[in-house]
Protein backbone atom coordinates (compact mmCIF):
# COMPACT_ATOMS: atom_id res chain seq x y z
CA MET A 1 219.97 193.70 224.18
CA ILE A 2 219.64 194.95 220.62
CA LYS A 3 223.04 196.62 220.80
CA ARG A 4 224.63 193.37 221.97
CA TYR A 5 222.78 191.43 219.27
CA SER A 6 223.82 193.93 216.58
CA ALA A 7 227.46 193.79 217.62
CA LEU A 8 227.40 190.01 217.60
CA LEU A 9 225.66 189.99 214.24
CA PHE A 10 228.30 192.26 212.78
CA CYS A 11 231.14 190.11 214.06
CA VAL A 12 229.59 186.89 212.84
CA PHE A 13 228.86 188.25 209.40
CA ALA A 14 231.83 190.58 208.88
CA LEU A 15 233.77 188.09 206.80
CA LEU A 16 230.61 186.81 205.13
CA ALA A 17 229.62 190.36 204.26
CA THR A 18 232.76 190.91 202.25
CA HIS A 19 232.25 187.57 200.57
CA ILE A 20 228.68 188.39 199.59
CA ALA A 21 229.59 191.42 197.54
CA TYR A 22 232.76 190.02 196.07
CA ALA A 23 231.74 186.39 195.57
CA GLN A 24 231.51 187.17 191.88
CA SER A 25 234.47 185.72 190.03
CA ALA A 26 235.80 187.43 186.95
CA PRO A 27 237.49 185.07 184.49
CA SER A 28 240.84 183.90 185.82
CA GLN A 29 244.03 184.06 183.78
CA SER A 30 243.88 180.33 183.16
CA GLU A 31 240.28 180.56 182.00
CA VAL A 32 241.06 183.45 179.69
CA ALA A 33 243.98 181.51 178.24
CA ASP A 34 241.53 178.81 177.20
CA TYR A 35 239.05 181.20 175.61
CA GLU A 36 238.37 180.90 171.92
CA GLY A 37 235.95 182.46 169.51
CA LEU A 38 233.25 184.70 170.93
CA LEU A 39 234.32 184.32 174.54
CA LYS A 40 237.83 185.46 173.67
CA ALA A 41 236.65 188.38 171.56
CA ALA A 42 234.18 189.44 174.29
CA HIS A 43 236.92 189.42 176.92
CA GLU A 44 239.30 191.37 174.70
CA GLY A 45 236.67 193.93 173.70
CA ASP A 46 237.19 193.23 170.00
CA VAL A 47 233.88 194.48 168.60
CA ASP A 48 234.78 193.83 164.97
CA GLU A 49 235.69 190.22 165.77
CA VAL A 50 232.52 189.82 167.82
CA LEU A 51 230.40 191.01 164.90
CA ALA A 52 232.27 188.81 162.43
CA LEU A 53 231.82 185.74 164.65
CA ILE A 54 228.13 186.49 165.10
CA ASN A 55 227.73 186.76 161.32
CA ASP A 56 229.45 183.39 161.02
CA GLY A 57 226.90 181.85 163.36
CA ALA A 58 228.82 181.73 166.63
CA SER A 59 226.64 180.81 169.59
CA LEU A 60 225.65 183.84 171.62
CA GLU A 61 225.10 181.61 174.64
CA ALA A 62 228.36 179.67 174.62
CA ILE A 63 229.68 179.27 178.16
CA ASP A 64 233.02 178.85 179.85
CA GLY A 65 233.67 176.42 182.69
CA SER A 66 232.01 178.77 185.17
CA GLY A 67 228.88 179.25 183.09
CA ARG A 68 229.77 182.72 181.84
CA THR A 69 228.27 183.62 178.50
CA PRO A 70 230.01 186.10 176.17
CA VAL A 71 227.84 188.96 177.46
CA ILE A 72 228.77 188.13 181.06
CA VAL A 73 232.45 187.90 180.12
CA ALA A 74 232.17 191.29 178.42
CA ALA A 75 230.43 192.74 181.49
CA PHE A 76 233.19 191.59 183.82
CA ALA A 77 235.69 193.29 181.49
CA SER A 78 233.47 196.39 181.27
CA ASN A 79 233.51 196.14 177.48
CA ASP A 80 230.33 198.14 176.91
CA GLU A 81 230.50 198.14 173.12
CA VAL A 82 230.69 194.36 173.08
CA VAL A 83 227.78 194.09 175.52
CA ASN A 84 225.76 196.33 173.22
CA ALA A 85 226.72 194.36 170.11
CA LEU A 86 225.82 191.04 171.73
CA SER A 87 222.53 192.44 172.99
CA ASN A 88 221.63 193.76 169.54
CA ALA A 89 222.35 190.32 168.14
CA GLY A 90 219.92 188.73 170.59
CA ALA A 91 222.11 187.59 173.48
CA ASN A 92 220.26 186.79 176.69
CA MET A 93 220.81 189.84 178.89
CA ASN A 94 219.43 188.00 181.91
CA ALA A 95 221.72 184.98 181.73
CA LEU A 96 223.11 183.71 185.03
CA GLU A 97 226.52 182.15 185.47
CA HIS A 98 227.04 179.18 187.79
CA ARG A 99 227.02 181.32 190.94
CA ALA A 100 223.83 183.01 189.75
CA TYR A 101 225.27 186.41 188.94
CA ASP A 102 223.98 188.42 185.99
CA VAL A 103 225.13 191.48 184.06
CA VAL A 104 223.10 193.86 186.24
CA THR A 105 224.55 192.57 189.51
CA ILE A 106 228.06 192.57 188.04
CA ALA A 107 227.65 196.23 187.07
CA ALA A 108 226.07 197.08 190.44
CA VAL A 109 228.94 195.60 192.45
CA ALA A 110 231.49 197.31 190.19
CA ASN A 111 229.63 200.63 190.64
CA ASP A 112 229.70 200.85 186.85
CA LEU A 113 226.80 203.17 186.04
CA GLU A 114 227.45 203.28 182.30
CA LEU A 115 227.38 199.51 182.00
CA LEU A 116 224.34 199.30 184.25
CA GLU A 117 222.41 201.84 182.20
CA LEU A 118 223.37 200.05 178.99
CA ALA A 119 222.29 196.67 180.36
CA LEU A 120 218.95 197.96 181.62
CA GLU A 121 218.25 199.77 178.36
CA ASN A 122 218.98 196.55 176.48
CA GLY A 123 216.56 194.30 178.28
CA ALA A 124 218.41 193.25 181.44
CA SER A 125 216.11 193.19 184.46
CA ALA A 126 216.66 194.82 187.83
CA GLU A 127 214.24 192.27 189.29
CA ASN A 128 216.41 189.16 188.88
CA ILE A 129 217.14 187.03 191.93
CA THR A 130 220.88 186.59 191.88
CA SER A 131 223.84 185.22 193.84
CA PRO A 132 224.05 182.16 196.10
CA TYR A 133 222.25 184.29 198.71
CA ASP A 134 219.04 184.67 196.67
CA GLY A 135 219.61 188.39 196.66
CA THR A 136 219.30 191.13 194.07
CA ALA A 137 221.52 193.71 192.45
CA LEU A 138 219.84 196.29 194.70
CA ILE A 139 220.84 194.45 197.87
CA ALA A 140 224.43 194.11 196.64
CA ALA A 141 224.60 197.81 195.81
CA ALA A 142 223.03 198.83 199.14
CA HIS A 143 225.56 196.67 200.99
CA LEU A 144 228.40 198.54 199.29
CA GLY A 145 226.84 202.01 199.57
CA HIS A 146 226.69 202.46 195.81
CA HIS A 147 223.87 204.97 196.13
CA GLN A 148 223.78 206.08 192.49
CA VAL A 149 223.39 202.46 191.47
CA VAL A 150 220.66 202.02 194.08
CA ASP A 151 218.86 205.05 192.69
CA LEU A 152 219.07 203.80 189.12
CA LEU A 153 217.93 200.30 190.03
CA GLY A 154 214.98 201.75 191.93
CA GLN A 155 213.96 203.64 188.80
CA HIS A 156 213.89 200.29 186.97
CA ASP A 157 211.55 198.50 189.37
CA ALA A 158 214.13 196.70 191.48
CA PRO A 159 212.26 194.92 194.30
CA LEU A 160 212.77 197.29 197.24
CA ASP A 161 211.73 194.84 199.95
CA HIS A 162 213.17 191.57 198.70
CA ILE A 163 214.52 189.46 201.56
CA ASN A 164 217.59 187.34 200.82
CA ASN A 165 218.32 183.98 202.42
CA LEU A 166 220.20 185.73 205.24
CA GLY A 167 216.92 187.40 206.17
CA TRP A 168 218.04 190.86 205.06
CA THR A 169 216.52 193.54 202.84
CA ALA A 170 218.48 196.24 201.04
CA LEU A 171 217.73 198.65 203.91
CA ILE A 172 219.04 196.23 206.50
CA GLU A 173 222.22 195.59 204.52
CA ALA A 174 222.83 199.32 204.09
CA VAL A 175 222.79 199.67 207.88
CA VAL A 176 224.27 196.41 209.16
CA LEU A 177 226.95 196.05 206.50
CA GLY A 178 227.51 199.75 205.98
CA ASP A 179 229.78 202.10 207.90
CA GLY A 180 227.23 204.79 208.70
CA GLY A 181 229.09 207.19 206.41
CA PRO A 182 227.78 209.46 203.64
CA ASP A 183 227.47 206.78 200.95
CA HIS A 184 225.48 204.33 203.06
CA THR A 185 223.42 207.13 204.58
CA GLN A 186 222.51 208.38 201.12
CA THR A 187 221.66 204.81 200.18
CA VAL A 188 219.22 204.62 203.08
CA LYS A 189 217.66 207.95 202.04
CA ILE A 190 217.19 206.81 198.45
CA LEU A 191 215.61 203.53 199.53
CA LEU A 192 213.24 205.25 201.96
CA ASP A 193 212.28 207.92 199.40
CA ALA A 194 211.56 205.13 196.92
CA GLY A 195 209.19 203.49 199.40
CA ALA A 196 211.25 200.71 200.96
CA ASP A 197 209.53 199.31 204.06
CA GLN A 198 211.59 200.10 207.14
CA ASN A 199 209.33 197.96 209.31
CA ILE A 200 210.68 194.71 207.86
CA GLY A 201 213.09 193.31 210.40
CA ASP A 202 215.81 190.73 210.08
CA SER A 203 215.40 187.07 211.02
CA GLN A 204 215.33 188.14 214.69
CA GLY A 205 212.78 190.88 214.04
CA VAL A 206 215.28 193.71 214.50
CA THR A 207 214.40 196.60 212.19
CA PRO A 208 216.82 198.81 210.25
CA LEU A 209 216.08 201.69 212.63
CA GLU A 210 216.95 199.53 215.63
CA HIS A 211 220.19 198.46 213.98
CA ALA A 212 221.02 202.11 213.24
CA ARG A 213 220.39 203.00 216.88
CA ALA A 214 222.54 200.13 218.11
CA ASN A 215 225.40 201.31 215.90
CA GLY A 216 224.99 205.00 216.73
CA TYR A 217 224.32 206.03 213.15
CA GLU A 218 222.62 209.32 214.00
CA LYS A 219 222.05 210.57 210.46
CA MET A 220 220.44 207.28 209.47
CA ILE A 221 218.29 207.36 212.60
CA LYS A 222 216.96 210.79 211.63
CA LEU A 223 216.15 209.52 208.14
CA PHE A 224 214.19 206.60 209.54
CA LEU A 225 212.29 208.75 212.04
CA ASN A 226 211.49 211.43 209.46
CA SER A 227 210.26 208.77 207.07
CA LYS A 228 207.75 207.62 209.68
CA ASP A 229 206.12 211.10 209.82
């Protein structure tokens, strides 16, 4: 029964799963063409121009048509020096664009550890509820098997057992949306070692261990069983 349910669940959410992680939208070419001032300098990574504009009183929280602030634009472009400069000037490191993504979740999905460390050190929170799915950066990273990101977020008090509006925790996503390979298996290990609750099931009450069994993910199964000892 569980195996049939898990297979059906995977099929139903396969397309949605990809969408969840990649629903973030970096600035399009047409949006970039319209950028001026601080948004343009942030996208281009022009630190000197960013500093000059800040000194001239440019708004740190100016937004484009999708609600991206300069620090979010810089994060999408992985312009770390600009992110740092904007943060030092007082930019809101926890700003959300119109689809509710923040700098931390952008870095987590991109598997950009340097940007993530910089953001967290500069006041961005790993606890933010982000995305249209009321998720977290941790859930997004677990979904993708970005285990180093998961580890770092866990060290910064990311909510291990947050349940998104699909009814899934980070552990469940690592199993259901993972491939059972080394990256997702290591993700499960890190989450369990950090204290994630493997007894929290999905909306049907199916636990991560049961999903792992249904999918034949033997290494994950061993991790779950050992964690129960």
